[in-house]
Amino acid sequence: MNRAPASVWRNPIHFLAFGLGSGASPWAPGTAGTLAAIPLWYLLAQLPLITYLLIVLAAFAVGCWLCQRTSDDLGVHDHGGIVWDEFVGYWITMIAVPVAPVWALLGFVLFRVFDILKPWPIRWADQRVHGGFGIMLDDLIAGVFAALVLQIIIYVMA
């Protein structure tokens, strides 16, 4: 069971790294974090694509710092409750996806499958790249893989 430190509720950096608190879930914090990213995706998806991409890029860059700082503060590399990486990975999955519940759900499932199973090179990045960048990188790759599969499905279904 995941045990979230009390600092999640007191420290704004930890609160963000813990996905607005969603990573404090005692069960499946990565899944809870990905679920928490969905409403924010609906807001982001209303923006022009270039704005969406710039925000996701900024969220990745800030996430490297947030995750590193929180890991350092907690003394645990990639604490299970750090889920900012899931937020960004899901948003990558959902780049240029039509705003509809079916696509939001399919994107969620695909991202979680890639994030959990970690096929190569996701597992390689997870095991060999450390620090805040490493925490973010494996989810970035999982998001790209999920996005490719999702775009193929959307293309075939259209």
Protein backbone atom coordinates (compact mmCIF):
# COMPACT_ATOMS: atom_id res chain seq x y z
CA MET A 1 0.00 0.00 0.00
CA ASN A 2 1.22 3.49 -0.85
CA ARG A 3 1.78 5.78 2.12
CA ALA A 4 1.79 9.45 1.23
CA PRO A 5 3.87 11.77 3.39
CA ALA A 6 2.04 14.56 5.21
CA SER A 7 4.10 17.08 3.22
CA VAL A 8 1.86 16.38 0.21
CA TRP A 9 -0.80 18.53 1.86
CA ARG A 10 1.58 21.23 3.16
CA ASN A 11 4.20 21.65 0.46
CA PRO A 12 2.95 22.98 -2.91
CA ILE A 13 5.84 21.30 -4.75
CA HIS A 14 4.97 17.90 -3.29
CA PHE A 15 1.25 18.56 -3.92
CA LEU A 16 1.96 19.12 -7.62
CA ALA A 17 4.38 16.18 -7.86
CA PHE A 18 1.68 14.04 -6.24
CA GLY A 19 -0.69 15.07 -9.03
CA LEU A 20 -2.76 17.60 -7.06
CA GLY A 21 -2.92 15.02 -4.29
CA SER A 22 -4.18 12.15 -6.48
CA GLY A 23 -0.95 10.22 -5.91
CA ALA A 24 -1.82 10.02 -2.22
CA SER A 25 -4.34 7.31 -3.11
CA PRO A 26 -3.51 4.22 -1.05
CA TRP A 27 -4.32 1.97 -4.03
CA ALA A 28 -2.96 2.28 -7.55
CA PRO A 29 -1.67 5.86 -7.26
CA GLY A 30 -0.46 5.84 -10.89
CA THR A 31 -3.94 4.97 -12.07
CA ALA A 32 -5.44 7.59 -9.74
CA GLY A 33 -3.01 10.15 -11.12
CA THR A 34 -3.89 9.31 -14.70
CA LEU A 35 -7.61 9.60 -13.86
CA ALA A 36 -6.97 13.00 -12.30
CA ALA A 37 -5.27 14.13 -15.52
CA ILE A 38 -8.41 13.54 -17.61
CA PRO A 39 -10.40 16.64 -16.58
CA LEU A 40 -7.32 18.78 -17.14
CA TRP A 41 -6.95 17.22 -20.59
CA TYR A 42 -10.50 18.26 -21.42
CA LEU A 43 -9.51 21.85 -20.60
CA LEU A 44 -6.22 21.64 -22.51
CA ALA A 45 -7.91 20.09 -25.54
CA GLN A 46 -9.93 23.27 -26.04
CA LEU A 47 -6.72 25.17 -26.83
CA PRO A 48 -5.05 25.48 -30.22
CA LEU A 49 -2.72 22.53 -30.88
CA ILE A 50 0.46 24.63 -30.67
CA THR A 51 -0.62 26.01 -27.28
CA TYR A 52 -1.44 22.48 -26.09
CA LEU A 53 2.01 21.26 -27.17
CA LEU A 54 3.79 24.17 -25.49
CA ILE A 55 1.92 23.56 -22.24
CA VAL A 56 2.76 19.85 -22.33
CA LEU A 57 6.41 20.67 -23.03
CA ALA A 58 6.44 23.11 -20.10
CA ALA A 59 4.68 20.54 -17.88
CA PHE A 60 7.40 18.02 -18.77
CA ALA A 61 10.22 20.47 -18.02
CA VAL A 62 8.66 21.62 -14.75
CA GLY A 63 7.89 17.98 -13.94
CA CYS A 64 11.58 17.05 -14.12
CA TRP A 65 12.26 19.64 -11.43
CA LEU A 66 9.14 18.83 -9.34
CA CYS A 67 9.86 15.11 -9.32
CA GLN A 68 13.57 15.57 -8.56
CA ARG A 69 12.88 18.00 -5.73
CA THR A 70 10.15 15.81 -4.22
CA SER A 71 12.30 12.67 -4.51
CA ASP A 72 15.18 14.48 -2.81
CA ASP A 73 12.92 15.82 -0.04
CA LEU A 74 11.39 12.39 0.60
CA GLY A 75 14.67 10.51 0.23
CA VAL A 76 12.99 8.05 -2.15
CA HIS A 77 13.67 7.89 -5.89
CA ASP A 78 10.35 7.84 -7.75
CA HIS A 79 8.06 7.43 -4.75
CA GLY A 80 4.91 5.63 -5.92
CA GLY A 81 2.83 8.70 -5.12
CA ILE A 82 4.75 10.95 -7.50
CA VAL A 83 2.33 10.99 -10.42
CA TRP A 84 3.04 14.26 -12.24
CA ASP A 85 4.72 12.01 -14.81
CA GLU A 86 1.41 10.20 -15.34
CA PHE A 87 -0.33 13.54 -15.92
CA VAL A 88 2.17 14.47 -18.63
CA GLY A 89 2.24 10.97 -20.12
CA TYR A 90 -1.54 10.97 -20.47
CA TRP A 91 -1.51 14.45 -22.04
CA ILE A 92 1.07 13.22 -24.55
CA THR A 93 -1.16 10.24 -25.32
CA MET A 94 -4.03 12.61 -26.00
CA ILE A 95 -2.26 15.02 -28.40
CA ALA A 96 -4.64 15.89 -31.27
CA VAL A 97 -7.28 13.41 -30.10
CA PRO A 98 -10.96 14.29 -30.61
CA VAL A 99 -12.63 15.40 -27.39
CA ALA A 100 -15.05 12.57 -26.63
CA PRO A 101 -15.44 10.20 -23.68
CA VAL A 102 -14.64 7.12 -25.77
CA TRP A 103 -11.24 8.54 -26.80
CA ALA A 104 -10.49 9.78 -23.28
CA LEU A 105 -11.17 6.27 -21.95
CA LEU A 106 -9.22 4.49 -24.69
CA GLY A 107 -6.29 6.87 -24.21
CA PHE A 108 -6.41 6.18 -20.47
CA VAL A 109 -6.34 2.40 -21.02
CA LEU A 110 -3.57 2.52 -23.63
CA PHE A 111 -1.38 4.80 -21.54
CA ARG A 112 -1.83 2.64 -18.40
CA VAL A 113 -1.01 -0.54 -20.38
CA PHE A 114 2.25 0.92 -21.72
CA ASP A 115 3.11 2.50 -18.36
CA ILE A 116 2.51 -0.72 -16.43
CA LEU A 117 3.97 -3.28 -18.87
CA LYS A 118 6.91 -1.05 -19.82
CA PRO A 119 7.98 -2.67 -23.11
CA TRP A 120 11.41 -1.73 -24.46
CA PRO A 121 12.57 1.10 -24.44
CA ILE A 122 10.27 2.21 -21.62
CA ARG A 123 11.68 -0.34 -19.17
CA TRP A 124 15.24 0.55 -20.22
CA ALA A 125 14.60 4.25 -19.49
CA ASP A 126 12.89 3.41 -16.20
CA GLN A 127 15.84 1.34 -15.01
CA ARG A 128 18.77 3.37 -16.33
CA VAL A 129 17.81 7.04 -16.38
CA HIS A 130 17.66 8.55 -12.92
CA GLY A 131 16.61 11.75 -11.24
CA GLY A 132 13.63 13.87 -12.14
CA PHE A 133 14.32 13.47 -15.85
CA GLY A 134 14.30 9.68 -15.44
CA ILE A 135 11.02 9.77 -13.52
CA MET A 136 9.46 11.75 -16.37
CA LEU A 137 11.15 10.00 -19.32
CA ASP A 138 9.58 6.54 -19.09
CA ASP A 139 6.09 8.09 -18.97
CA LEU A 140 6.93 10.36 -21.90
CA ILE A 141 7.87 7.28 -23.93
CA ALA A 142 4.79 5.38 -22.75
CA GLY A 143 2.69 8.39 -23.78
CA VAL A 144 4.27 8.47 -27.25
CA PHE A 145 3.65 4.73 -27.75
CA ALA A 146 0.04 5.05 -26.53
CA ALA A 147 -0.47 8.13 -28.75
CA LEU A 148 0.76 6.24 -31.83
CA VAL A 149 -1.61 3.33 -31.17
CA LEU A 150 -4.50 5.68 -30.41
CA GLN A 151 -3.93 7.70 -33.60
CA ILE A 152 -3.89 4.48 -35.66
CA ILE A 153 -7.19 3.42 -34.06
CA ILE A 154 -8.73 6.85 -34.71
CA TYR A 155 -7.55 6.74 -38.33
CA VAL A 156 -8.95 3.24 -38.90
CA MET A 157 -12.27 4.13 -37.23
CA ALA A 158 -12.75 7.33 -39.25
